[in-house]
Amino acid sequence: MEPAHAPRPAPHASPTRGQHIAAWYGLVGVPLVWIAHVLLCMSLVAIACPGGVTQRNALPWGVVQILLAVTSAAALALALAGVLATLRAWRESGALAGGRRETFRFVAWCGAAVSVAFTLGLAFTIAVLVTLPLQRVCEALR
């Protein structure tokens, strides 16, 4: 029979390098993933949809749709990894000892909040890309 309370690990004096990386990736990296996804998708659609200007190197819509799907899946995977890593760093920050605990805990909490928010924004962006009939909109502009 297991005891009612599992023993807690010994407190660390300061956060590990991995915990710092996770917290800051959630705070800065996930928003950069979202920005890169939006810019790349806008560029791909702009190349395929010249808006009346004939382009010699225009990509066909089939290729653009595949690239949008691959880009979206990769961005979502990176964002979800950031959310999970930051939430883990935030949970583990409770085991820290000393004065740096509260500072790191705040940074990790902010990283978790920002990464969740931008991951939701990324999911919304992907939903718009999937549901919006981009090819018909582009053909109407020609």
N, C-alpha and C. Protein backbone atom coordinates (compact mmCIF):
# COMPACT_ATOMS: atom_id res chain seq x y z
N MET A 1 0.84 -1.17 0.00
CA MET A 1 0.00 0.00 0.00
C MET A 1 0.89 1.25 0.00
N GLU A 2 0.57 2.19 -0.89
CA GLU A 2 1.37 3.41 -0.99
C GLU A 2 0.96 4.41 0.08
N PRO A 3 1.91 5.25 0.52
CA PRO A 3 1.55 6.28 1.48
C PRO A 3 0.62 7.31 0.84
N ALA A 4 -0.14 7.99 1.68
CA ALA A 4 -1.11 8.97 1.19
C ALA A 4 -0.43 10.12 0.47
N HIS A 5 0.73 10.50 0.95
CA HIS A 5 1.47 11.61 0.33
C HIS A 5 2.79 11.10 -0.18
N ALA A 6 3.01 11.25 -1.47
CA ALA A 6 4.27 10.83 -2.06
C ALA A 6 5.35 11.80 -1.62
N PRO A 7 6.57 11.33 -1.41
CA PRO A 7 7.63 12.24 -0.99
C PRO A 7 7.96 13.23 -2.10
N ARG A 8 8.17 14.46 -1.72
CA ARG A 8 8.51 15.51 -2.69
C ARG A 8 10.01 15.46 -2.96
N PRO A 9 10.40 15.79 -4.16
CA PRO A 9 11.83 15.82 -4.44
C PRO A 9 12.50 16.96 -3.66
N ALA A 10 13.78 16.79 -3.43
CA ALA A 10 14.51 17.82 -2.69
C ALA A 10 14.52 19.11 -3.50
N PRO A 11 14.33 20.26 -2.84
CA PRO A 11 14.28 21.52 -3.57
C PRO A 11 15.64 21.87 -4.18
N HIS A 12 15.61 22.40 -5.38
CA HIS A 12 16.81 22.87 -6.05
C HIS A 12 17.05 24.31 -5.67
N ALA A 13 18.29 24.74 -5.74
CA ALA A 13 18.61 26.12 -5.38
C ALA A 13 18.16 27.08 -6.46
N SER A 14 18.27 26.67 -7.72
CA SER A 14 17.87 27.57 -8.82
C SER A 14 17.32 26.73 -9.96
N PRO A 15 16.60 27.37 -10.87
CA PRO A 15 16.04 26.64 -12.02
C PRO A 15 17.15 26.09 -12.91
N THR A 16 16.86 24.97 -13.54
CA THR A 16 17.84 24.38 -14.46
C THR A 16 17.83 25.15 -15.78
N ARG A 17 18.83 24.88 -16.58
CA ARG A 17 18.91 25.53 -17.89
C ARG A 17 17.71 25.15 -18.75
N GLY A 18 17.29 23.89 -18.70
CA GLY A 18 16.13 23.43 -19.46
C GLY A 18 14.85 24.15 -19.04
N GLN A 19 14.70 24.39 -17.74
CA GLN A 19 13.52 25.11 -17.26
C GLN A 19 13.53 26.56 -17.76
N HIS A 20 14.71 27.18 -17.76
CA HIS A 20 14.81 28.55 -18.30
C HIS A 20 14.45 28.57 -19.79
N ILE A 21 14.99 27.62 -20.54
CA ILE A 21 14.71 27.57 -21.98
C ILE A 21 13.22 27.36 -22.22
N ALA A 22 12.60 26.46 -21.46
CA ALA A 22 11.18 26.19 -21.62
C ALA A 22 10.34 27.42 -21.32
N ALA A 23 10.66 28.12 -20.24
CA ALA A 23 9.88 29.30 -19.87
C ALA A 23 10.01 30.40 -20.92
N TRP A 24 11.22 30.63 -21.39
CA TRP A 24 11.41 31.70 -22.37
C TRP A 24 10.93 31.29 -23.76
N TYR A 25 10.95 30.00 -24.08
CA TYR A 25 10.38 29.55 -25.36
C TYR A 25 8.88 29.81 -25.36
N GLY A 26 8.23 29.55 -24.25
CA GLY A 26 6.79 29.84 -24.17
C GLY A 26 6.50 31.32 -24.26
N LEU A 27 7.38 32.13 -23.70
CA LEU A 27 7.17 33.57 -23.67
C LEU A 27 7.50 34.24 -25.01
N VAL A 28 8.54 33.77 -25.67
CA VAL A 28 9.00 34.42 -26.90
C VAL A 28 8.87 33.51 -28.13
N GLY A 29 9.19 32.23 -27.96
CA GLY A 29 9.24 31.33 -29.10
C GLY A 29 7.90 31.02 -29.73
N VAL A 30 6.89 30.77 -28.91
CA VAL A 30 5.57 30.44 -29.47
C VAL A 30 4.97 31.63 -30.24
N PRO A 31 5.07 32.87 -29.72
CA PRO A 31 4.60 33.99 -30.56
C PRO A 31 5.37 34.11 -31.87
N LEU A 32 6.68 33.81 -31.85
CA LEU A 32 7.45 33.84 -33.10
C LEU A 32 7.01 32.74 -34.06
N VAL A 33 6.63 31.59 -33.53
CA VAL A 33 6.10 30.51 -34.38
C VAL A 33 4.82 30.99 -35.06
N TRP A 34 3.94 31.64 -34.31
CA TRP A 34 2.68 32.15 -34.87
C TRP A 34 2.96 33.18 -35.96
N ILE A 35 3.87 34.12 -35.67
CA ILE A 35 4.21 35.17 -36.65
C ILE A 35 4.79 34.55 -37.92
N ALA A 36 5.72 33.61 -37.75
CA ALA A 36 6.33 32.97 -38.93
C ALA A 36 5.29 32.21 -39.74
N HIS A 37 4.35 31.56 -39.07
CA HIS A 37 3.29 30.83 -39.77
C HIS A 37 2.42 31.78 -40.58
N VAL A 38 2.01 32.86 -39.96
CA VAL A 38 1.16 33.84 -40.66
C VAL A 38 1.89 34.42 -41.87
N LEU A 39 3.14 34.82 -41.70
CA LEU A 39 3.89 35.42 -42.81
C LEU A 39 4.13 34.41 -43.94
N LEU A 40 4.48 33.17 -43.58
CA LEU A 40 4.72 32.17 -44.61
C LEU A 40 3.43 31.84 -45.37
N CYS A 41 2.33 31.69 -44.66
CA CYS A 41 1.06 31.38 -45.33
C CYS A 41 0.60 32.54 -46.21
N MET A 42 0.77 33.76 -45.73
CA MET A 42 0.41 34.93 -46.56
C MET A 42 1.26 34.97 -47.82
N SER A 43 2.54 34.66 -47.70
CA SER A 43 3.43 34.67 -48.86
C SER A 43 3.04 33.58 -49.86
N LEU A 44 2.72 32.38 -49.35
CA LEU A 44 2.33 31.30 -50.24
C LEU A 44 1.06 31.63 -51.00
N VAL A 45 0.08 32.18 -50.30
CA VAL A 45 -1.18 32.53 -50.96
C VAL A 45 -0.96 33.69 -51.94
N ALA A 46 -0.12 34.65 -51.58
CA ALA A 46 0.16 35.77 -52.48
C ALA A 46 0.85 35.31 -53.76
N ILE A 47 1.71 34.30 -53.66
CA ILE A 47 2.39 33.77 -54.85
C ILE A 47 1.38 33.05 -55.75
N ALA A 48 0.47 32.29 -55.13
CA ALA A 48 -0.49 31.53 -55.92
C ALA A 48 -1.64 32.38 -56.42
N CYS A 49 -1.89 33.50 -55.77
CA CYS A 49 -3.03 34.36 -56.11
C CYS A 49 -2.50 35.75 -56.47
N PRO A 50 -2.07 35.95 -57.71
CA PRO A 50 -1.47 37.22 -58.07
C PRO A 50 -2.46 38.37 -58.16
N GLY A 51 -3.74 38.13 -58.11
CA GLY A 51 -4.72 39.22 -58.13
C GLY A 51 -4.77 39.95 -59.46
N GLY A 52 -4.71 39.23 -60.54
CA GLY A 52 -4.82 39.85 -61.85
C GLY A 52 -3.49 40.08 -62.52
N VAL A 53 -2.38 40.00 -61.78
CA VAL A 53 -1.06 40.19 -62.36
C VAL A 53 -0.52 38.82 -62.73
N THR A 54 -0.20 38.63 -63.99
CA THR A 54 0.29 37.34 -64.45
C THR A 54 1.71 37.12 -63.94
N GLN A 55 1.92 35.95 -63.34
CA GLN A 55 3.25 35.60 -62.85
C GLN A 55 3.71 34.32 -63.52
N ARG A 56 4.98 34.28 -63.89
CA ARG A 56 5.51 33.08 -64.52
C ARG A 56 5.78 31.99 -63.49
N ASN A 57 6.12 32.37 -62.27
CA ASN A 57 6.50 31.38 -61.26
C ASN A 57 5.37 31.12 -60.25
N ALA A 58 4.14 31.39 -60.63
CA ALA A 58 3.02 31.16 -59.73
C ALA A 58 2.87 29.67 -59.43
N LEU A 59 2.69 29.37 -58.16
CA LEU A 59 2.51 27.97 -57.76
C LEU A 59 1.08 27.53 -58.03
N PRO A 60 0.87 26.29 -58.44
CA PRO A 60 -0.49 25.79 -58.58
C PRO A 60 -1.13 25.61 -57.20
N TRP A 61 -2.47 25.69 -57.17
CA TRP A 61 -3.18 25.63 -55.90
C TRP A 61 -2.98 24.31 -55.17
N GLY A 62 -2.81 23.23 -55.88
CA GLY A 62 -2.57 21.93 -55.24
C GLY A 62 -1.30 21.95 -54.40
N VAL A 63 -0.24 22.54 -54.96
CA VAL A 63 1.04 22.64 -54.25
C VAL A 63 0.89 23.58 -53.06
N VAL A 64 0.20 24.69 -53.25
CA VAL A 64 0.01 25.66 -52.16
C VAL A 64 -0.77 25.03 -51.01
N GLN A 65 -1.81 24.28 -51.33
CA GLN A 65 -2.60 23.65 -50.28
C GLN A 65 -1.78 22.64 -49.49
N ILE A 66 -0.93 21.88 -50.15
CA ILE A 66 -0.06 20.93 -49.45
C ILE A 66 0.94 21.67 -48.57
N LEU A 67 1.54 22.73 -49.10
CA LEU A 67 2.49 23.52 -48.31
C LEU A 67 1.81 24.18 -47.11
N LEU A 68 0.59 24.67 -47.30
CA LEU A 68 -0.14 25.26 -46.17
C LEU A 68 -0.42 24.21 -45.09
N ALA A 69 -0.78 23.00 -45.51
CA ALA A 69 -1.07 21.94 -44.54
C ALA A 69 0.19 21.54 -43.77
N VAL A 70 1.30 21.37 -44.49
CA VAL A 70 2.56 20.99 -43.84
C VAL A 70 3.04 22.09 -42.90
N THR A 71 2.98 23.32 -43.37
CA THR A 71 3.38 24.46 -42.54
C THR A 71 2.52 24.57 -41.30
N SER A 72 1.22 24.40 -41.45
CA SER A 72 0.31 24.51 -40.32
C SER A 72 0.54 23.39 -39.31
N ALA A 73 0.76 22.18 -39.79
CA ALA A 73 1.02 21.05 -38.88
C ALA A 73 2.32 21.25 -38.11
N ALA A 74 3.35 21.71 -38.80
CA ALA A 74 4.64 21.95 -38.13
C ALA A 74 4.52 23.07 -37.09
N ALA A 75 3.84 24.15 -37.46
CA ALA A 75 3.68 25.27 -36.52
C ALA A 75 2.87 24.84 -35.30
N LEU A 76 1.82 24.08 -35.52
CA LEU A 76 1.00 23.62 -34.41
C LEU A 76 1.79 22.68 -33.50
N ALA A 77 2.62 21.82 -34.07
CA ALA A 77 3.45 20.92 -33.26
C ALA A 77 4.46 21.71 -32.42
N LEU A 78 5.09 22.72 -33.01
CA LEU A 78 6.04 23.55 -32.27
C LEU A 78 5.35 24.33 -31.15
N ALA A 79 4.16 24.85 -31.44
CA ALA A 79 3.43 25.62 -30.43
C ALA A 79 2.97 24.72 -29.29
N LEU A 80 2.45 23.54 -29.60
CA LEU A 80 2.01 22.62 -28.55
C LEU A 80 3.18 22.13 -27.71
N ALA A 81 4.32 21.90 -28.33
CA ALA A 81 5.51 21.53 -27.57
C ALA A 81 5.91 22.65 -26.61
N GLY A 82 5.78 23.89 -27.07
CA GLY A 82 6.08 25.03 -26.19
C GLY A 82 5.12 25.11 -25.03
N VAL A 83 3.84 24.87 -25.27
CA VAL A 83 2.85 24.90 -24.20
C VAL A 83 3.17 23.84 -23.16
N LEU A 84 3.42 22.61 -23.62
CA LEU A 84 3.69 21.52 -22.68
C LEU A 84 4.97 21.75 -21.89
N ALA A 85 6.02 22.21 -22.55
CA ALA A 85 7.29 22.45 -21.86
C ALA A 85 7.17 23.57 -20.85
N THR A 86 6.47 24.63 -21.22
CA THR A 86 6.32 25.77 -20.30
C THR A 86 5.44 25.41 -19.12
N LEU A 87 4.37 24.68 -19.35
CA LEU A 87 3.53 24.25 -18.23
C LEU A 87 4.30 23.34 -17.28
N ARG A 88 5.14 22.49 -17.84
CA ARG A 88 5.96 21.61 -17.00
C ARG A 88 6.95 22.42 -16.18
N ALA A 89 7.61 23.41 -16.81
CA ALA A 89 8.55 24.26 -16.07
C ALA A 89 7.83 25.04 -14.97
N TRP A 90 6.62 25.48 -15.25
CA TRP A 90 5.86 26.21 -14.24
C TRP A 90 5.50 25.31 -13.06
N ARG A 91 5.06 24.09 -13.36
CA ARG A 91 4.73 23.14 -12.29
C ARG A 91 5.96 22.80 -11.46
N GLU A 92 7.09 22.59 -12.13
CA GLU A 92 8.32 22.23 -11.42
C GLU A 92 8.92 23.39 -10.65
N SER A 93 8.52 24.61 -10.95
CA SER A 93 9.08 25.76 -10.25
C SER A 93 8.65 25.80 -8.79
N GLY A 94 7.61 25.05 -8.44
CA GLY A 94 7.18 24.98 -7.05
C GLY A 94 8.18 24.28 -6.16
N ALA A 95 9.05 23.45 -6.74
CA ALA A 95 10.04 22.71 -5.97
C ALA A 95 11.33 23.50 -5.75
N LEU A 96 11.40 24.71 -6.30
CA LEU A 96 12.62 25.51 -6.15
C LEU A 96 12.68 26.12 -4.75
N ALA A 97 13.86 26.35 -4.29
CA ALA A 97 14.06 26.99 -2.99
C ALA A 97 14.77 28.32 -3.20
N GLY A 98 14.63 29.19 -2.24
CA GLY A 98 15.37 30.45 -2.29
C GLY A 98 14.58 31.58 -2.90
N GLY A 99 15.27 32.71 -3.01
CA GLY A 99 14.63 33.94 -3.48
C GLY A 99 14.32 33.96 -4.96
N ARG A 100 15.01 33.14 -5.74
CA ARG A 100 14.77 33.13 -7.19
C ARG A 100 13.52 32.37 -7.56
N ARG A 101 12.94 31.67 -6.62
CA ARG A 101 11.77 30.85 -6.90
C ARG A 101 10.62 31.68 -7.44
N GLU A 102 10.27 32.74 -6.74
CA GLU A 102 9.10 33.53 -7.15
C GLU A 102 9.33 34.24 -8.48
N THR A 103 10.54 34.70 -8.72
CA THR A 103 10.83 35.36 -10.00
C THR A 103 10.69 34.38 -11.16
N PHE A 104 11.31 33.20 -11.01
CA PHE A 104 11.22 32.22 -12.08
C PHE A 104 9.79 31.71 -12.23
N ARG A 105 9.11 31.53 -11.12
CA ARG A 105 7.72 31.05 -11.18
C ARG A 105 6.86 32.04 -11.96
N PHE A 106 7.08 33.34 -11.77
CA PHE A 106 6.33 34.37 -12.49
C PHE A 106 6.64 34.31 -13.99
N VAL A 107 7.93 34.19 -14.33
CA VAL A 107 8.31 34.12 -15.75
C VAL A 107 7.72 32.86 -16.39
N ALA A 108 7.77 31.75 -15.67
CA ALA A 108 7.21 30.50 -16.21
C ALA A 108 5.70 30.62 -16.37
N TRP A 109 5.03 31.24 -15.42
CA TRP A 109 3.57 31.42 -15.53
C TRP A 109 3.24 32.32 -16.73
N CYS A 110 3.98 33.40 -16.90
CA CYS A 110 3.75 34.29 -18.05
C CYS A 110 4.01 33.54 -19.35
N GLY A 111 5.07 32.72 -19.39
CA GLY A 111 5.36 31.93 -20.58
C GLY A 111 4.23 30.96 -20.89
N ALA A 112 3.68 30.34 -19.84
CA ALA A 112 2.57 29.40 -20.05
C ALA A 112 1.34 30.13 -20.58
N ALA A 113 1.03 31.29 -20.00
CA ALA A 113 -0.14 32.05 -20.44
C ALA A 113 0.01 32.53 -21.88
N VAL A 114 1.18 33.06 -22.20
CA VAL A 114 1.42 33.57 -23.56
C VAL A 114 1.41 32.41 -24.57
N SER A 115 2.04 31.30 -24.23
CA SER A 115 2.08 30.19 -25.18
C SER A 115 0.69 29.60 -25.42
N VAL A 116 -0.13 29.52 -24.39
CA VAL A 116 -1.50 29.03 -24.58
C VAL A 116 -2.28 30.00 -25.47
N ALA A 117 -2.15 31.29 -25.20
CA ALA A 117 -2.89 32.29 -25.98
C ALA A 117 -2.49 32.26 -27.45
N PHE A 118 -1.19 32.21 -27.72
CA PHE A 118 -0.74 32.21 -29.12
C PHE A 118 -1.01 30.88 -29.81
N THR A 119 -1.05 29.78 -29.07
CA THR A 119 -1.43 28.51 -29.66
C THR A 119 -2.91 28.52 -30.05
N LEU A 120 -3.74 29.12 -29.22
CA LEU A 120 -5.15 29.28 -29.60
C LEU A 120 -5.29 30.18 -30.82
N GLY A 121 -4.50 31.26 -30.88
CA GLY A 121 -4.50 32.12 -32.06
C GLY A 121 -4.04 31.38 -33.31
N LEU A 122 -3.05 30.51 -33.15
CA LEU A 122 -2.57 29.71 -34.26
C LEU A 122 -3.65 28.74 -34.73
N ALA A 123 -4.35 28.12 -33.79
CA ALA A 123 -5.44 27.21 -34.15
C ALA A 123 -6.54 27.96 -34.90
N PHE A 124 -6.84 29.18 -34.47
CA PHE A 124 -7.84 29.99 -35.18
C PHE A 124 -7.36 30.32 -36.59
N THR A 125 -6.10 30.69 -36.72
CA THR A 125 -5.53 31.01 -38.04
C THR A 125 -5.61 29.80 -38.97
N ILE A 126 -5.28 28.63 -38.44
CA ILE A 126 -5.34 27.40 -39.24
C ILE A 126 -6.79 27.09 -39.63
N ALA A 127 -7.72 27.31 -38.70
CA ALA A 127 -9.13 27.07 -39.01
C ALA A 127 -9.60 27.98 -40.14
N VAL A 128 -9.16 29.22 -40.14
CA VAL A 128 -9.53 30.15 -41.21
C VAL A 128 -8.93 29.68 -42.54
N LEU A 129 -7.68 29.24 -42.52
CA LEU A 129 -7.04 28.76 -43.75
C LEU A 129 -7.77 27.54 -44.31
N VAL A 130 -8.26 26.69 -43.42
CA VAL A 130 -8.93 25.46 -43.87
C VAL A 130 -10.34 25.76 -44.38
N THR A 131 -11.07 26.64 -43.71
CA THR A 131 -12.47 26.87 -44.06
C THR A 131 -12.67 27.93 -45.13
N LEU A 132 -11.77 28.87 -45.28
CA LEU A 132 -11.93 29.93 -46.26
C LEU A 132 -11.62 29.40 -47.65
N PRO A 133 -12.52 29.57 -48.60
CA PRO A 133 -12.27 29.07 -49.97
C PRO A 133 -11.30 30.01 -50.70
N LEU A 134 -10.02 29.90 -50.40
CA LEU A 134 -9.02 30.82 -50.95
C LEU A 134 -8.93 30.75 -52.47
N GLN A 135 -9.05 29.57 -53.02
CA GLN A 135 -8.93 29.44 -54.47
C GLN A 135 -10.07 30.17 -55.17
N ARG A 136 -11.30 30.05 -54.67
CA ARG A 136 -12.43 30.75 -55.30
C ARG A 136 -12.31 32.26 -55.14
N VAL A 137 -11.82 32.71 -53.99
CA VAL A 137 -11.64 34.16 -53.76
C VAL A 137 -10.59 34.68 -54.72
N CYS A 138 -9.53 33.95 -54.89
CA CYS A 138 -8.45 34.38 -55.81
C CYS A 138 -8.92 34.42 -57.25
N GLU A 139 -9.67 33.41 -57.66
CA GLU A 139 -10.15 33.37 -59.04
C GLU A 139 -11.16 34.50 -59.31
N ALA A 140 -11.89 34.92 -58.28
CA ALA A 140 -12.82 36.03 -58.45
C ALA A 140 -12.08 37.34 -58.64
N LEU A 141 -10.84 37.45 -58.15
CA LEU A 141 -10.07 38.68 -58.28
C LEU A 141 -9.43 38.79 -59.66
N ARG A 142 -9.34 37.72 -60.40
CA ARG A 142 -8.67 37.78 -61.71
C ARG A 142 -9.53 38.43 -62.75
